[in-house]
Structures are given as C-alpha cells and as structure tokens.
Amino acid sequence: MRAFNIWTENFNMLYRMRFDNTGKIPCIACHSSPHAVYPAFNEFDKNRDNIQPLQYQGAPLPIGAEMRCEVCHIVKMDRRSFHHSNMFKAFRNKQLLK
C-alpha cells in the first residue's frame, strides 16, 4: 500500500503548502517544519528543534502563541487582527513542556 495522498486530497493541502487565515504567512513560519512542529521533542536534546521560538520569545511554543504578538508586531494587536484564532488562547499542551 502506498501512503501518497492518503491524508491530503492534493498538493496544496499539504502542511508545508498551507497559510494562515490571511493567506500571507506560511504555517511553517510560526509552527516550524512538518517534522519538528513547535514544541518539538528530540531524543538527542529536549530543545534542539525549538531554537527559533526560544530565541525570539523565550518559550518553545509556536511563534506568537499565547498572545505574544510583539514577537513580530511593533503595534498592539487585537482580536480583529489575528493570523490564527488559537493565538488568543492559552497553549493547551503545556504539560508536554516539562
């Protein structure tokens, strides 16, 4: 059995090809590559694949998670100008970060 296109209907639906709600920012810009989505866990080093979010926001979460809009924006953002609706919610899997 082949896995090609089992989970996606076409090439544009692949995670690496998808964009935020505005259609301007690729998902990988905030969540990382398909094989190391933040927070990523690598058996060789807990934060080996979390360097970008740790560098810019001090936490291994997706860029901008938990209303950390200032990571990219210099003006105060509100709920009408979000890229992703989950940005205004608490990150749900914090127990995985321990």
PDB file of N, CA and C in Angstrom:
ATOM      1  N   MET A   1       0.843  -1.187   0.000  1.00  0.00           N
ATOM      2  CA  MET A   1       0.000   0.000   0.000  1.00  0.00           C
ATOM      3  C   MET A   1       0.886   1.247   0.000  1.00  0.00           C
ATOM      4  N   ARG A   2       0.518   2.223  -0.763  1.00  0.00           N
ATOM      5  CA  ARG A   2       1.266   3.469  -0.842  1.00  0.00           C
ATOM      6  C   ARG A   2       0.595   4.539   0.010  1.00  0.00           C
ATOM      7  N   ALA A   3       1.390   5.375   0.670  1.00  0.00           N
ATOM      8  CA  ALA A   3       0.855   6.437   1.524  1.00  0.00           C
ATOM      9  C   ALA A   3       0.610   7.738   0.767  1.00  0.00           C
ATOM     10  N   PHE A   4       1.097   7.856  -0.452  1.00  0.00           N
ATOM     11  CA  PHE A   4       0.972   9.095  -1.215  1.00  0.00           C
ATOM     12  C   PHE A   4      -0.490   9.520  -1.342  1.00  0.00           C
ATOM     13  N   ASN A   5      -0.770  10.739  -0.898  1.00  0.00           N
ATOM     14  CA  ASN A   5      -2.097  11.363  -0.960  1.00  0.00           C
ATOM     15  C   ASN A   5      -3.186  10.629  -0.177  1.00  0.00           C
ATOM     16  N   ILE A   6      -2.803   9.838   0.793  1.00  0.00           N
ATOM     17  CA  ILE A   6      -3.799   9.184   1.639  1.00  0.00           C
ATOM     18  C   ILE A   6      -4.474  10.208   2.551  1.00  0.00           C
ATOM     19  N   TRP A   7      -3.694  11.154   3.095  1.00  0.00           N
ATOM     20  CA  TRP A   7      -4.223  12.111   4.057  1.00  0.00           C
ATOM     21  C   TRP A   7      -4.623  13.442   3.439  1.00  0.00           C
ATOM     22  N   THR A   8      -4.154  13.746   2.266  1.00  0.00           N
ATOM     23  CA  THR A   8      -4.475  15.010   1.614  1.00  0.00           C
ATOM     24  C   THR A   8      -5.017  14.757   0.215  1.00  0.00           C
ATOM     25  N   GLU A   9      -5.934  15.610  -0.182  1.00  0.00           N
ATOM     26  CA  GLU A   9      -6.552  15.436  -1.494  1.00  0.00           C
ATOM     27  C   GLU A   9      -5.654  15.918  -2.621  1.00  0.00           C
ATOM     28  N   ASN A  10      -4.861  16.969  -2.352  1.00  0.00           N
ATOM     29  CA  ASN A  10      -3.978  17.480  -3.385  1.00  0.00           C
ATOM     30  C   ASN A  10      -2.762  18.156  -2.757  1.00  0.00           C
ATOM     31  N   PHE A  11      -1.810  18.504  -3.578  1.00  0.00           N
ATOM     32  CA  PHE A  11      -0.543  19.079  -3.136  1.00  0.00           C
ATOM     33  C   PHE A  11      -0.734  20.337  -2.292  1.00  0.00           C
ATOM     34  N   ASN A  12      -1.670  21.204  -2.646  1.00  0.00           N
ATOM     35  CA  ASN A  12      -1.883  22.469  -1.927  1.00  0.00           C
ATOM     36  C   ASN A  12      -2.413  22.277  -0.510  1.00  0.00           C
ATOM     37  N   MET A  13      -2.898  21.097  -0.185  1.00  0.00           N
ATOM     38  CA  MET A  13      -3.403  20.840   1.163  1.00  0.00           C
ATOM     39  C   MET A  13      -2.320  20.332   2.104  1.00  0.00           C
ATOM     40  N   LEU A  14      -1.134  20.048   1.598  1.00  0.00           N
ATOM     41  CA  LEU A  14      -0.041  19.613   2.459  1.00  0.00           C
ATOM     42  C   LEU A  14       0.299  20.726   3.451  1.00  0.00           C
ATOM     43  N   TYR A  15       0.671  20.343   4.655  1.00  0.00           N
ATOM     44  CA  TYR A  15       1.019  21.316   5.698  1.00  0.00           C
ATOM     45  C   TYR A  15       2.058  22.324   5.211  1.00  0.00           C
ATOM     46  N   ARG A  16       3.079  21.876   4.539  1.00  0.00           N
ATOM     47  CA  ARG A  16       4.149  22.770   4.088  1.00  0.00           C
ATOM     48  C   ARG A  16       3.694  23.770   3.041  1.00  0.00           C
ATOM     49  N   MET A  17       2.507  23.583   2.480  1.00  0.00           N
ATOM     50  CA  MET A  17       1.992  24.492   1.465  1.00  0.00           C
ATOM     51  C   MET A  17       0.885  25.409   1.994  1.00  0.00           C
ATOM     52  N   ARG A  18       0.492  25.266   3.259  1.00  0.00           N
ATOM     53  CA  ARG A  18      -0.649  26.000   3.805  1.00  0.00           C
ATOM     54  C   ARG A  18      -0.246  27.333   4.405  1.00  0.00           C
ATOM     55  N   PHE A  19      -1.225  28.242   4.513  1.00  0.00           N
ATOM     56  CA  PHE A  19      -1.011  29.594   5.020  1.00  0.00           C
ATOM     57  C   PHE A  19      -1.986  29.916   6.135  1.00  0.00           C
ATOM     58  N   ASP A  20      -1.720  31.021   6.852  1.00  0.00           N
ATOM     59  CA  ASP A  20      -2.587  31.478   7.934  1.00  0.00           C
ATOM     60  C   ASP A  20      -3.924  31.962   7.382  1.00  0.00           C
ATOM     61  N   ASN A  21      -4.767  32.495   8.269  1.00  0.00           N
ATOM     62  CA  ASN A  21      -6.094  32.961   7.871  1.00  0.00           C
ATOM     63  C   ASN A  21      -6.045  34.087   6.851  1.00  0.00           C
ATOM     64  N   THR A  22      -4.967  34.866   6.831  1.00  0.00           N
ATOM     65  CA  THR A  22      -4.848  35.973   5.884  1.00  0.00           C
ATOM     66  C   THR A  22      -4.345  35.506   4.524  1.00  0.00           C
ATOM     67  N   GLY A  23      -3.792  34.311   4.471  1.00  0.00           N
ATOM     68  CA  GLY A  23      -3.254  33.794   3.228  1.00  0.00           C
ATOM     69  C   GLY A  23      -1.880  34.341   2.889  1.00  0.00           C
ATOM     70  N   LYS A  24      -1.231  34.994   3.858  1.00  0.00           N
ATOM     71  CA  LYS A  24       0.049  35.636   3.604  1.00  0.00           C
ATOM     72  C   LYS A  24       1.235  34.970   4.297  1.00  0.00           C
ATOM     73  N   ILE A  25       1.015  34.374   5.458  1.00  0.00           N
ATOM     74  CA  ILE A  25       2.113  33.808   6.241  1.00  0.00           C
ATOM     75  C   ILE A  25       2.015  32.283   6.221  1.00  0.00           C
ATOM     76  N   PRO A  26       3.057  31.604   5.738  1.00  0.00           N
ATOM     77  CA  PRO A  26       3.009  30.136   5.722  1.00  0.00           C
ATOM     78  C   PRO A  26       2.988  29.569   7.145  1.00  0.00           C
ATOM     79  N   CYS A  27       2.280  28.488   7.339  1.00  0.00           N
ATOM     80  CA  CYS A  27       2.181  27.851   8.656  1.00  0.00           C
ATOM     81  C   CYS A  27       3.555  27.542   9.240  1.00  0.00           C
ATOM     82  N   ILE A  28       4.501  27.159   8.387  1.00  0.00           N
ATOM     83  CA  ILE A  28       5.826  26.796   8.873  1.00  0.00           C
ATOM     84  C   ILE A  28       6.575  27.976   9.482  1.00  0.00           C
ATOM     85  N   ALA A  29       6.163  29.200   9.204  1.00  0.00           N
ATOM     86  CA  ALA A  29       6.835  30.371   9.774  1.00  0.00           C
ATOM     87  C   ALA A  29       6.656  30.429  11.287  1.00  0.00           C
ATOM     88  N   CYS A  30       5.527  30.003  11.782  1.00  0.00           N
ATOM     89  CA  CYS A  30       5.257  30.054  13.230  1.00  0.00           C
ATOM     90  C   CYS A  30       5.325  28.687  13.902  1.00  0.00           C
ATOM     91  N   HIS A  31       5.062  27.629  13.158  1.00  0.00           N
ATOM     92  CA  HIS A  31       4.987  26.284  13.734  1.00  0.00           C
ATOM     93  C   HIS A  31       6.185  25.402  13.431  1.00  0.00           C
ATOM     94  N   SER A  32       7.082  25.828  12.552  1.00  0.00           N
ATOM     95  CA  SER A  32       8.268  25.094  12.119  1.00  0.00           C
ATOM     96  C   SER A  32       7.919  24.083  11.031  1.00  0.00           C
ATOM     97  N   SER A  33       8.918  23.293  10.667  1.00  0.00           N
ATOM     98  CA  SER A  33       8.753  22.353   9.557  1.00  0.00           C
ATOM     99  C   SER A  33       7.833  21.192   9.943  1.00  0.00           C
ATOM    100  N   PRO A  34       7.323  20.474   8.975  1.00  0.00           N
ATOM    101  CA  PRO A  34       6.404  19.369   9.269  1.00  0.00           C
ATOM    102  C   PRO A  34       6.971  18.314  10.219  1.00  0.00           C
ATOM    103  N   HIS A  35       8.285  18.180  10.279  1.00  0.00           N
ATOM    104  CA  HIS A  35       8.873  17.139  11.120  1.00  0.00           C
ATOM    105  C   HIS A  35       9.429  17.659  12.443  1.00  0.00           C
ATOM    106  N   ALA A  36       9.196  18.925  12.737  1.00  0.00           N
ATOM    107  CA  ALA A  36       9.664  19.499  14.007  1.00  0.00           C
ATOM    108  C   ALA A  36       8.737  20.630  14.438  1.00  0.00           C
ATOM    109  N   VAL A  37       7.447  20.373  14.489  1.00  0.00           N
ATOM    110  CA  VAL A  37       6.452  21.376  14.853  1.00  0.00           C
ATOM    111  C   VAL A  37       6.628  21.770  16.315  1.00  0.00           C
ATOM    112  N   TYR A  38       6.640  23.091  16.598  1.00  0.00           N
ATOM    113  CA  TYR A  38       6.834  23.588  17.972  1.00  0.00           C
ATOM    114  C   TYR A  38       5.641  23.240  18.841  1.00  0.00           C
ATOM    115  N   PRO A  39       5.839  22.855  20.080  1.00  0.00           N
ATOM    116  CA  PRO A  39       7.107  22.464  20.658  1.00  0.00           C
ATOM    117  C   PRO A  39       7.519  21.094  20.141  1.00  0.00           C
ATOM    118  N   ALA A  40       8.757  20.994  19.733  1.00  0.00           N
ATOM    119  CA  ALA A  40       9.289  19.748  19.183  1.00  0.00           C
ATOM    120  C   ALA A  40      10.094  19.016  20.257  1.00  0.00           C
ATOM    121  N   PHE A  41      10.080  17.713  20.214  1.00  0.00           N
ATOM    122  CA  PHE A  41      10.811  16.906  21.176  1.00  0.00           C
ATOM    123  C   PHE A  41      11.780  16.007  20.424  1.00  0.00           C
ATOM    124  N   ASN A  42      13.033  16.181  20.680  1.00  0.00           N
ATOM    125  CA  ASN A  42      14.070  15.419  20.012  1.00  0.00           C
ATOM    126  C   ASN A  42      14.785  14.595  21.080  1.00  0.00           C
ATOM    127  N   GLU A  43      14.937  13.317  20.842  1.00  0.00           N
ATOM    128  CA  GLU A  43      15.541  12.439  21.861  1.00  0.00           C
ATOM    129  C   GLU A  43      16.993  12.779  22.158  1.00  0.00           C
ATOM    130  N   PHE A  44      17.662  13.499  21.263  1.00  0.00           N
ATOM    131  CA  PHE A  44      19.059  13.856  21.484  1.00  0.00           C
ATOM    132  C   PHE A  44      19.227  15.094  22.359  1.00  0.00           C
ATOM    133  N   ASP A  45      18.227  15.981  22.352  1.00  0.00           N
ATOM    134  CA  ASP A  45      18.254  17.195  23.169  1.00  0.00           C
ATOM    135  C   ASP A  45      16.842  17.751  23.210  1.00  0.00           C
ATOM    136  N   LYS A  46      16.317  18.006  24.384  1.00  0.00           N
ATOM    137  CA  LYS A  46      14.932  18.429  24.563  1.00  0.00           C
ATOM    138  C   LYS A  46      14.557  19.622  23.688  1.00  0.00           C
ATOM    139  N   ASN A  47      15.450  20.611  23.577  1.00  0.00           N
ATOM    140  CA  ASN A  47      15.099  21.819  22.831  1.00  0.00           C
ATOM    141  C   ASN A  47      15.871  21.998  21.524  1.00  0.00           C
ATOM    142  N   ARG A  48      16.434  20.924  21.022  1.00  0.00           N
ATOM    143  CA  ARG A  48      17.224  21.010  19.789  1.00  0.00           C
ATOM    144  C   ARG A  48      16.449  21.628  18.623  1.00  0.00           C
ATOM    145  N   ASP A  49      15.169  21.298  18.503  1.00  0.00           N
ATOM    146  CA  ASP A  49      14.356  21.803  17.405  1.00  0.00           C
ATOM    147  C   ASP A  49      13.482  22.997  17.800  1.00  0.00           C
ATOM    148  N   ASN A  50      13.689  23.524  18.991  1.00  0.00           N
ATOM    149  CA  ASN A  50      12.907  24.666  19.471  1.00  0.00           C
ATOM    150  C   ASN A  50      13.726  25.950  19.536  1.00  0.00           C
ATOM    151  N   ILE A  51      14.840  26.006  18.863  1.00  0.00           N
ATOM    152  CA  ILE A  51      15.750  27.144  18.985  1.00  0.00           C
ATOM    153  C   ILE A  51      15.110  28.460  18.563  1.00  0.00           C
ATOM    154  N   GLN A  52      14.408  28.483  17.443  1.00  0.00           N
ATOM    155  CA  GLN A  52      13.813  29.740  16.978  1.00  0.00           C
ATOM    156  C   GLN A  52      12.827  30.338  17.990  1.00  0.00           C
ATOM    157  N   PRO A  53      11.823  29.595  18.479  1.00  0.00           N
ATOM    158  CA  PRO A  53      10.914  30.214  19.436  1.00  0.00           C
ATOM    159  C   PRO A  53      11.587  30.556  20.768  1.00  0.00           C
ATOM    160  N   LEU A  54      12.548  29.759  21.194  1.00  0.00           N
ATOM    161  CA  LEU A  54      13.273  30.078  22.424  1.00  0.00           C
ATOM    162  C   LEU A  54      14.058  31.377  22.260  1.00  0.00           C
ATOM    163  N   GLN A  55      14.656  31.566  21.103  1.00  0.00           N
ATOM    164  CA  GLN A  55      15.430  32.773  20.841  1.00  0.00           C
ATOM    165  C   GLN A  55      14.547  34.017  20.809  1.00  0.00           C
ATOM    166  N   TYR A  56      13.417  33.943  20.168  1.00  0.00           N
ATOM    167  CA  TYR A  56      12.587  35.133  19.959  1.00  0.00           C
ATOM    168  C   TYR A  56      11.549  35.400  21.038  1.00  0.00           C
ATOM    169  N   GLN A  57      11.096  34.363  21.760  1.00  0.00           N
ATOM    170  CA  GLN A  57      10.063  34.619  22.762  1.00  0.00           C
ATOM    171  C   GLN A  57      10.297  33.914  24.088  1.00  0.00           C
ATOM    172  N   GLY A  58      11.403  33.191  24.213  1.00  0.00           N
ATOM    173  CA  GLY A  58      11.752  32.585  25.487  1.00  0.00           C
ATOM    174  C   GLY A  58      10.938  31.366  25.869  1.00  0.00           C
ATOM    175  N   ALA A  59      10.179  30.811  24.945  1.00  0.00           N
ATOM    176  CA  ALA A  59       9.380  29.612  25.200  1.00  0.00           C
ATOM    177  C   ALA A  59       9.358  28.768  23.930  1.00  0.00           C
ATOM    178  N   PRO A  60       9.278  27.452  24.051  1.00  0.00           N
ATOM    179  CA  PRO A  60       9.318  26.578  22.879  1.00  0.00           C
ATOM    180  C   PRO A  60       7.969  26.421  22.183  1.00  0.00           C
ATOM    181  N   LEU A  61       7.136  27.429  22.266  1.00  0.00           N
ATOM    182  CA  LEU A  61       5.793  27.388  21.677  1.00  0.00           C
ATOM    183  C   LEU A  61       5.805  27.966  20.270  1.00  0.00           C
ATOM    184  N   PRO A  62       4.738  27.746  19.492  1.00  0.00           N
ATOM    185  CA  PRO A  62       4.673  28.377  18.175  1.00  0.00           C
ATOM    186  C   PRO A  62       4.879  29.888  18.298  1.00  0.00           C
ATOM    187  N   ILE A  63       5.491  30.488  17.305  1.00  0.00           N
ATOM    188  CA  ILE A  63       5.748  31.927  17.321  1.00  0.00           C
ATOM    189  C   ILE A  63       4.431  32.673  17.473  1.00  0.00           C
ATOM    190  N   GLY A  64       4.351  33.557  18.448  1.00  0.00           N
ATOM    191  CA  GLY A  64       3.143  34.341  18.694  1.00  0.00           C
ATOM    192  C   GLY A  64       2.113  33.671  19.581  1.00  0.00           C
ATOM    193  N   ALA A  65       2.381  32.449  20.041  1.00  0.00           N
ATOM    194  CA  ALA A  65       1.421  31.744  20.887  1.00  0.00           C
ATOM    195  C   ALA A  65       1.183  32.526  22.175  1.00  0.00           C
ATOM    196  N   GLU A  66       0.008  32.337  22.731  1.00  0.00           N
ATOM    197  CA  GLU A  66      -0.403  32.982  23.990  1.00  0.00           C
ATOM    198  C   GLU A  66      -0.324  34.510  23.905  1.00  0.00           C
ATOM    199  N   MET A  67      -0.803  35.044  22.810  1.00  0.00           N
ATOM    200  CA  MET A  67      -0.909  36.497  22.605  1.00  0.00           C
ATOM    201  C   MET A  67       0.444  37.199  22.625  1.00  0.00           C
ATOM    202  N   ARG A  68       1.479  36.537  22.181  1.00  0.00           N
ATOM    203  CA  ARG A  68       2.807  37.151  22.117  1.00  0.00           C
ATOM    204  C   ARG A  68       3.020  37.782  20.737  1.00  0.00           C
ATOM    205  N   CYS A  69       2.109  38.641  20.366  1.00  0.00           N
ATOM    206  CA  CYS A  69       2.139  39.289  19.055  1.00  0.00           C
ATOM    207  C   CYS A  69       3.377  40.164  18.874  1.00  0.00           C
ATOM    208  N   GLU A  70       3.910  40.671  19.979  1.00  0.00           N
ATOM    209  CA  GLU A  70       5.068  41.564  19.916  1.00  0.00           C
ATOM    210  C   GLU A  70       6.324  40.872  19.388  1.00  0.00           C
ATOM    211  N   VAL A  71       6.288  39.562  19.253  1.00  0.00           N
ATOM    212  CA  VAL A  71       7.418  38.852  18.667  1.00  0.00           C
ATOM    213  C   VAL A  71       7.641  39.350  17.236  1.00  0.00           C
ATOM    214  N   CYS A  72       6.555  39.648  16.542  1.00  0.00           N
ATOM    215  CA  CYS A  72       6.649  40.114  15.149  1.00  0.00           C
ATOM    216  C   CYS A  72       6.110  41.531  14.945  1.00  0.00           C
ATOM    217  N   HIS A  73       5.138  41.924  15.754  1.00  0.00           N
ATOM    218  CA  HIS A  73       4.468  43.215  15.561  1.00  0.00           C
ATOM    219  C   HIS A  73       4.973  44.272  16.532  1.00  0.00           C
ATOM    220  N   ILE A  74       5.093  45.504  16.064  1.00  0.00           N
ATOM    221  CA  ILE A  74       5.536  46.597  16.943  1.00  0.00           C
ATOM    222  C   ILE A  74       4.360  47.415  17.462  1.00  0.00           C
ATOM    223  N   VAL A  75       3.158  47.140  16.988  1.00  0.00           N
ATOM    224  CA  VAL A  75       1.958  47.804  17.487  1.00  0.00           C
ATOM    225  C   VAL A  75       1.107  46.778  18.220  1.00  0.00           C
ATOM    226  N   LYS A  76       0.310  47.239  19.171  1.00  0.00           N
ATOM    227  CA  LYS A  76      -0.565  46.362  19.946  1.00  0.00           C
ATOM    228  C   LYS A  76      -1.608  45.748  19.022  1.00  0.00           C
ATOM    229  N   MET A  77      -1.734  44.441  19.049  1.00  0.00           N
ATOM    230  CA  MET A  77      -2.692  43.741  18.200  1.00  0.00           C
ATOM    231  C   MET A  77      -3.958  43.432  18.995  1.00  0.00           C
ATOM    232  N   ASP A  78      -5.082  43.364  18.308  1.00  0.00           N
ATOM    233  CA  ASP A  78      -6.327  42.994  18.973  1.00  0.00           C
ATOM    234  C   ASP A  78      -6.927  41.782  18.265  1.00  0.00           C
ATOM    235  N   ARG A  79      -8.033  41.312  18.781  1.00  0.00           N
ATOM    236  CA  ARG A  79      -8.639  40.081  18.264  1.00  0.00           C
ATOM    237  C   ARG A  79      -9.118  40.195  16.819  1.00  0.00           C
ATOM    238  N   ARG A  80      -9.303  41.373  16.325  1.00  0.00           N
ATOM    239  CA  ARG A  80      -9.751  41.534  14.937  1.00  0.00           C
ATOM    240  C   ARG A  80      -8.603  41.385  13.943  1.00  0.00           C
ATOM    241  N   SER A  81      -7.374  41.426  14.418  1.00  0.00           N
ATOM    242  CA  SER A  81      -6.237  41.410  13.502  1.00  0.00           C
ATOM    243  C   SER A  81      -5.320  40.197  13.706  1.00  0.00           C
ATOM    244  N   PHE A  82      -5.888  39.084  14.136  1.00  0.00           N
ATOM    245  CA  PHE A  82      -5.065  37.907  14.384  1.00  0.00           C
ATOM    246  C   PHE A  82      -4.793  37.129  13.094  1.00  0.00           C
ATOM    247  N   HIS A  83      -3.729  36.343  13.114  1.00  0.00           N
ATOM    248  CA  HIS A  83      -3.400  35.474  11.991  1.00  0.00           C
ATOM    249  C   HIS A  83      -4.042  34.109  12.159  1.00  0.00           C
ATOM    250  N   HIS A  84      -4.265  33.740  13.416  1.00  0.00           N
ATOM    251  CA  HIS A  84      -4.733  32.391  13.735  1.00  0.00           C
ATOM    252  C   HIS A  84      -5.552  32.508  15.009  1.00  0.00           C
ATOM    253  N   SER A  85      -6.749  31.985  15.017  1.00  0.00           N
ATOM    254  CA  SER A  85      -7.639  32.143  16.181  1.00  0.00           C
ATOM    255  C   SER A  85      -7.052  31.567  17.467  1.00  0.00           C
ATOM    256  N   ASN A  86      -6.187  30.562  17.386  1.00  0.00           N
ATOM    257  CA  ASN A  86      -5.594  29.971  18.589  1.00  0.00           C
ATOM    258  C   ASN A  86      -4.574  30.874  19.268  1.00  0.00           C
ATOM    259  N   MET A  87      -4.142  31.934  18.605  1.00  0.00           N
ATOM    260  CA  MET A  87      -3.150  32.830  19.204  1.00  0.00           C
ATOM    261  C   MET A  87      -3.692  33.515  20.454  1.00  0.00           C
ATOM    262  N   PHE A  88      -5.012  33.631  20.570  1.00  0.00           N
ATOM    263  CA  PHE A  88      -5.624  34.313  21.706  1.00  0.00           C
ATOM    264  C   PHE A  88      -6.120  33.341  22.767  1.00  0.00           C
ATOM    265  N   LYS A  89      -5.640  32.113  22.692  1.00  0.00           N
ATOM    266  CA  LYS A  89      -5.983  31.106  23.699  1.00  0.00           C
ATOM    267  C   LYS A  89      -4.697  30.633  24.354  1.00  0.00           C
ATOM    268  N   ALA A  90      -4.814  30.095  25.558  1.00  0.00           N
ATOM    269  CA  ALA A  90      -3.652  29.532  26.231  1.00  0.00           C
ATOM    270  C   ALA A  90      -3.195  28.281  25.482  1.00  0.00           C
ATOM    271  N   PHE A  91      -1.897  28.086  25.398  1.00  0.00           N
ATOM    272  CA  PHE A  91      -1.373  26.884  24.751  1.00  0.00           C
ATOM    273  C   PHE A  91      -1.831  25.686  25.542  1.00  0.00           C
ATOM    274  N   ARG A  92      -2.464  24.735  24.905  1.00  0.00           N
ATOM    275  CA  ARG A  92      -3.170  23.672  25.636  1.00  0.00           C
ATOM    276  C   ARG A  92      -2.308  22.516  26.115  1.00  0.00           C
ATOM    277  N   ASN A  93      -1.123  22.335  25.582  1.00  0.00           N
ATOM    278  CA  ASN A  93      -0.309  21.176  25.944  1.00  0.00           C
ATOM    279  C   ASN A  93       0.927  21.539  26.750  1.00  0.00           C
ATOM    280  N   LYS A  94       0.812  22.418  27.715  1.00  0.00           N
ATOM    281  CA  LYS A  94       1.968  22.854  28.485  1.00  0.00           C
ATOM    282  C   LYS A  94       2.591  21.731  29.312  1.00  0.00           C
ATOM    283  N   GLN A  95       1.816  20.723  29.665  1.00  0.00           N
ATOM    284  CA  GLN A  95       2.378  19.623  30.439  1.00  0.00           C
ATOM    285  C   GLN A  95       3.451  18.894  29.645  1.00  0.00           C
ATOM    286  N   LEU A  96       3.428  18.999  28.327  1.00  0.00           N
ATOM    287  CA  LEU A  96       4.445  18.365  27.492  1.00  0.00           C
ATOM    288  C   LEU A  96       5.782  19.095  27.562  1.00  0.00           C
ATOM    289  N   LEU A  97       5.779  20.319  28.045  1.00  0.00           N
ATOM    290  CA  LEU A  97       6.992  21.127  28.080  1.00  0.00           C
ATOM    291  C   LEU A  97       7.889  20.806  29.261  1.00  0.00           C
ATOM    292  N   LYS A  98       7.406  20.046  30.208  1.00  0.00           N
ATOM    293  CA  LYS A  98       8.176  19.759  31.427  1.00  0.00           C
ATOM    294  C   LYS A  98       9.220  18.706  31.200  1.00  0.00           C
TER     295      LYS A  98
END
